[in-house]
Amino acid sequence: MEPICCVFVANHNKNKKETRSINVEAKVLKLGTVCRDKATNLEGTLTHWIMDMSKGVSYLFQPKGLDENDQPVKKLYLEMERLNVKDSDFETVEVPFEIIGTVVTNKSSGFVGMAVEFIRHINGCFHVVIQPKGMSAKTKTPIQKNDFDLRDCTGSMIVELTKKALAESRRKTPSPTGDTAEHDLPKSLSSPLIRD
């Protein structure tokens, strides 16, 4: 099989009243795919993917098994090239990539910053990772980024759903509970996680 990380095709919506957004179609591995990591030879399941500003996609791979504390073995953050997969393991997903690089606000908390990554959860829910400008006055470090359900955010390139469409979307793809983004990944994904 020829390695394909992701293939993008612009998908312009001609009804400008309905949306301001231009989605791209990404050919990615299906979440829930059971596969093997070529480097460790571990078998596991793909539980999330993360798309960065360069349209690069990485996958969270949950190896099968429990550790000495009867907890799941630590997840690995892997590129598609490390995974032993077949053509039927791919799907095409519409991604609102034009949101990346724009200013986004989480409506519930008021958290504001640049959209720097998308996270797709195994149930189909999209989260956006928001990185604020500046440094924390208290810690003198960059303000920590956070991930939020895209449906709970607003911005110039985000199409807000009607109440009915929002309720239906949340029914079909409920948002998992998430925490703040820590370093390169949200805590909800990074603990326990090994970045390889």
Protein backbone atom coordinates (compact mmCIF):
# COMPACT_ATOMS: atom_id res chain seq x y z
CA MET A 1 0.00 0.00 0.00
CA GLU A 2 1.25 3.47 -0.86
CA PRO A 3 1.55 5.55 2.36
CA ILE A 4 -0.97 8.38 2.52
CA CYS A 5 -1.02 10.62 5.58
CA CYS A 6 -3.90 12.69 4.42
CA VAL A 7 -5.27 14.01 1.17
CA PHE A 8 -7.13 17.31 1.12
CA VAL A 9 -9.76 18.50 -1.32
CA ALA A 10 -11.45 21.90 -0.94
CA ASN A 11 -15.20 21.63 -0.48
CA HIS A 12 -16.76 25.04 -1.11
CA ASN A 13 -20.31 25.54 0.06
CA LYS A 14 -22.08 27.63 -2.56
CA ASN A 15 -24.90 28.76 -0.24
CA LYS A 16 -23.13 31.70 1.42
CA LYS A 17 -26.10 32.44 3.72
CA GLU A 18 -25.86 28.95 5.17
CA THR A 19 -22.14 28.99 5.93
CA ARG A 20 -19.00 31.10 5.79
CA SER A 21 -16.80 28.05 5.98
CA ILE A 22 -14.86 26.05 3.43
CA ASN A 23 -14.25 22.49 4.57
CA VAL A 24 -11.49 20.26 3.31
CA GLU A 25 -11.82 16.53 2.94
CA ALA A 26 -9.10 14.63 4.75
CA LYS A 27 -8.33 10.99 4.04
CA VAL A 28 -7.46 9.66 7.49
CA LEU A 29 -7.41 6.36 9.33
CA LYS A 30 -10.77 5.39 10.85
CA LEU A 31 -10.83 5.77 14.59
CA GLY A 32 -11.52 2.43 16.25
CA THR A 33 -9.17 0.69 13.80
CA VAL A 34 -7.24 -2.14 15.43
CA CYS A 35 -3.71 -2.23 14.02
CA ARG A 36 -0.09 -2.88 14.92
CA ASP A 37 2.70 -0.36 15.57
CA LYS A 38 5.61 -1.39 13.34
CA ALA A 39 8.26 -0.13 15.80
CA THR A 40 7.04 -1.71 19.07
CA ASN A 41 5.10 -4.57 17.43
CA LEU A 42 2.23 -3.78 19.84
CA GLU A 43 -1.37 -4.27 18.77
CA GLY A 44 -3.81 -1.54 19.72
CA THR A 45 -6.69 0.71 18.73
CA LEU A 46 -6.67 4.21 17.23
CA THR A 47 -8.72 6.38 19.62
CA HIS A 48 -8.11 9.99 18.45
CA TRP A 49 -6.38 11.92 15.74
CA ILE A 50 -4.84 15.36 15.99
CA MET A 51 -4.45 17.69 13.00
CA ASP A 52 -1.97 20.55 13.35
CA MET A 53 -1.58 23.83 11.47
CA SER A 54 0.44 22.16 8.69
CA LYS A 55 -2.41 19.64 8.14
CA GLY A 56 -0.18 16.94 9.60
CA VAL A 57 -2.15 14.17 11.30
CA SER A 58 -0.98 12.08 14.24
CA TYR A 59 -2.91 9.30 15.93
CA LEU A 60 -3.36 8.25 19.54
CA PHE A 61 -2.76 4.52 19.68
CA GLN A 62 -4.01 2.63 22.74
CA PRO A 63 -2.01 -0.60 23.06
CA LYS A 64 -4.01 -3.60 24.23
CA GLY A 65 -3.33 -4.56 27.85
CA LEU A 66 -3.17 -3.36 31.44
CA ASP A 67 -0.18 -2.21 33.47
CA GLU A 68 0.88 -3.38 36.96
CA ASN A 69 -1.81 -1.11 38.51
CA ASP A 70 -4.54 -2.66 36.35
CA GLN A 71 -4.75 0.54 34.30
CA PRO A 72 -4.61 0.74 30.49
CA VAL A 73 -1.08 0.64 29.05
CA LYS A 74 0.13 4.15 28.20
CA LYS A 75 -1.03 5.51 24.84
CA LEU A 76 1.41 6.26 22.05
CA TYR A 77 1.27 9.33 19.80
CA LEU A 78 2.16 8.00 16.32
CA GLU A 79 2.33 8.99 12.68
CA MET A 80 0.42 6.92 10.14
CA GLU A 81 3.67 5.61 8.67
CA ARG A 82 4.35 3.62 11.87
CA LEU A 83 1.03 1.80 11.68
CA ASN A 84 0.42 -1.44 9.84
CA VAL A 85 -2.90 -0.68 8.15
CA LYS A 86 -4.76 -1.55 4.96
CA ASP A 87 -6.66 0.50 2.36
CA SER A 88 -10.02 -0.33 3.96
CA ASP A 89 -8.87 1.33 7.23
CA PHE A 90 -9.14 4.81 5.66
CA GLU A 91 -12.11 7.16 5.50
CA THR A 92 -12.71 10.66 4.20
CA VAL A 93 -13.71 13.25 6.83
CA GLU A 94 -14.73 16.86 6.28
CA VAL A 95 -12.56 19.14 8.39
CA PRO A 96 -13.29 22.89 8.84
CA PHE A 97 -9.59 23.63 8.42
CA GLU A 98 -10.11 27.32 7.65
CA ILE A 99 -10.77 27.79 11.40
CA ILE A 100 -7.12 26.94 12.16
CA GLY A 101 -5.09 30.13 12.57
CA THR A 102 -8.12 32.30 13.38
CA VAL A 103 -9.18 33.76 16.74
CA VAL A 104 -11.68 31.54 18.52
CA THR A 105 -13.60 32.03 21.77
CA ASN A 106 -15.06 29.31 23.96
CA LYS A 107 -18.58 30.55 24.74
CA SER A 108 -18.88 28.83 28.13
CA SER A 109 -15.63 30.07 29.67
CA GLY A 110 -14.67 33.12 27.59
CA PHE A 111 -11.25 31.53 26.85
CA VAL A 112 -9.86 33.27 23.72
CA GLY A 113 -6.92 32.57 21.44
CA MET A 114 -5.76 31.17 18.14
CA ALA A 115 -7.14 27.82 16.95
CA VAL A 116 -3.97 25.73 16.56
CA GLU A 117 -5.14 22.10 16.31
CA PHE A 118 -8.17 19.89 15.83
CA ILE A 119 -8.77 16.72 17.79
CA ARG A 120 -11.22 14.12 16.51
CA HIS A 121 -12.54 11.73 19.14
CA ILE A 122 -13.50 8.15 18.43
CA ASN A 123 -17.22 9.05 18.60
CA GLY A 124 -16.80 11.67 15.83
CA CYS A 125 -16.77 14.78 18.04
CA PHE A 126 -14.37 17.57 16.95
CA HIS A 127 -12.49 19.62 19.53
CA VAL A 128 -10.44 22.70 18.74
CA VAL A 129 -7.26 23.53 20.68
CA ILE A 130 -7.06 27.23 21.54
CA GLN A 131 -3.72 28.91 22.33
CA PRO A 132 -4.02 32.37 23.95
CA LYS A 133 -1.42 35.10 23.36
CA GLY A 134 1.03 36.12 26.01
CA MET A 135 2.44 34.84 29.25
CA SER A 136 0.92 34.17 32.64
CA ALA A 137 1.69 37.07 34.99
CA LYS A 138 1.93 34.58 37.87
CA THR A 139 4.13 31.86 36.35
CA LYS A 140 5.96 33.87 33.65
CA THR A 141 5.31 31.04 31.19
CA PRO A 142 3.14 30.96 28.06
CA ILE A 143 -0.55 30.67 28.87
CA GLN A 144 -1.54 27.03 28.62
CA LYS A 145 -3.62 26.01 25.64
CA ASN A 146 -6.97 24.25 26.13
CA ASP A 147 -9.22 22.10 24.00
CA PHE A 148 -12.97 22.66 23.66
CA ASP A 149 -15.88 21.13 21.81
CA LEU A 150 -15.98 23.06 18.53
CA ARG A 151 -19.77 23.41 18.90
CA ASP A 152 -19.22 25.50 22.05
CA CYS A 153 -16.92 27.98 20.30
CA THR A 154 -17.41 31.07 18.20
CA GLY A 155 -15.22 32.87 15.70
CA SER A 156 -15.25 34.51 12.29
CA MET A 157 -14.90 31.16 10.48
CA ILE A 158 -17.11 29.05 12.77
CA VAL A 159 -20.60 28.31 11.57
CA GLU A 160 -22.97 28.28 14.54
CA LEU A 161 -25.64 25.60 14.45
CA THR A 162 -29.33 26.22 15.05
CA LYS A 163 -30.64 24.92 18.41
CA LYS A 164 -32.24 21.96 16.66
CA ALA A 165 -29.09 21.11 14.65
CA LEU A 166 -26.94 21.54 17.78
CA ALA A 167 -29.12 19.14 19.79
CA GLU A 168 -29.03 16.58 16.98
CA SER A 169 -25.24 16.93 16.61
CA ARG A 170 -24.71 16.45 20.36
CA ARG A 171 -27.00 13.39 20.30
CA LYS A 172 -25.09 11.82 17.40
CA THR A 173 -21.56 12.76 18.55
CA PRO A 174 -21.54 13.64 22.25
CA SER A 175 -18.50 15.47 23.54
CA PRO A 176 -16.27 13.51 25.90
CA THR A 177 -15.16 15.27 29.03
CA GLY A 178 -11.92 17.07 28.38
CA ASP A 179 -9.31 18.98 30.27
CA THR A 180 -6.72 21.53 29.37
CA ALA A 181 -4.20 20.97 26.62
CA GLU A 182 -0.87 20.18 28.20
CA HIS A 183 2.29 20.63 26.16
CA ASP A 184 1.30 19.16 22.81
CA LEU A 185 -1.88 17.31 23.77
CA PRO A 186 -4.92 17.74 25.99
CA LYS A 187 -4.63 16.20 29.46
CA SER A 188 -7.58 14.00 28.62
CA LEU A 189 -5.37 12.48 25.93
CA SER A 190 -1.93 12.89 27.45
CA SER A 191 -2.36 11.14 30.75
CA PRO A 192 -1.30 8.33 30.37
CA LEU A 193 0.56 9.04 27.12
CA ILE A 194 3.98 8.45 25.70
CA ARG A 195 5.02 10.86 22.98
CA ASP A 196 7.24 8.80 20.75
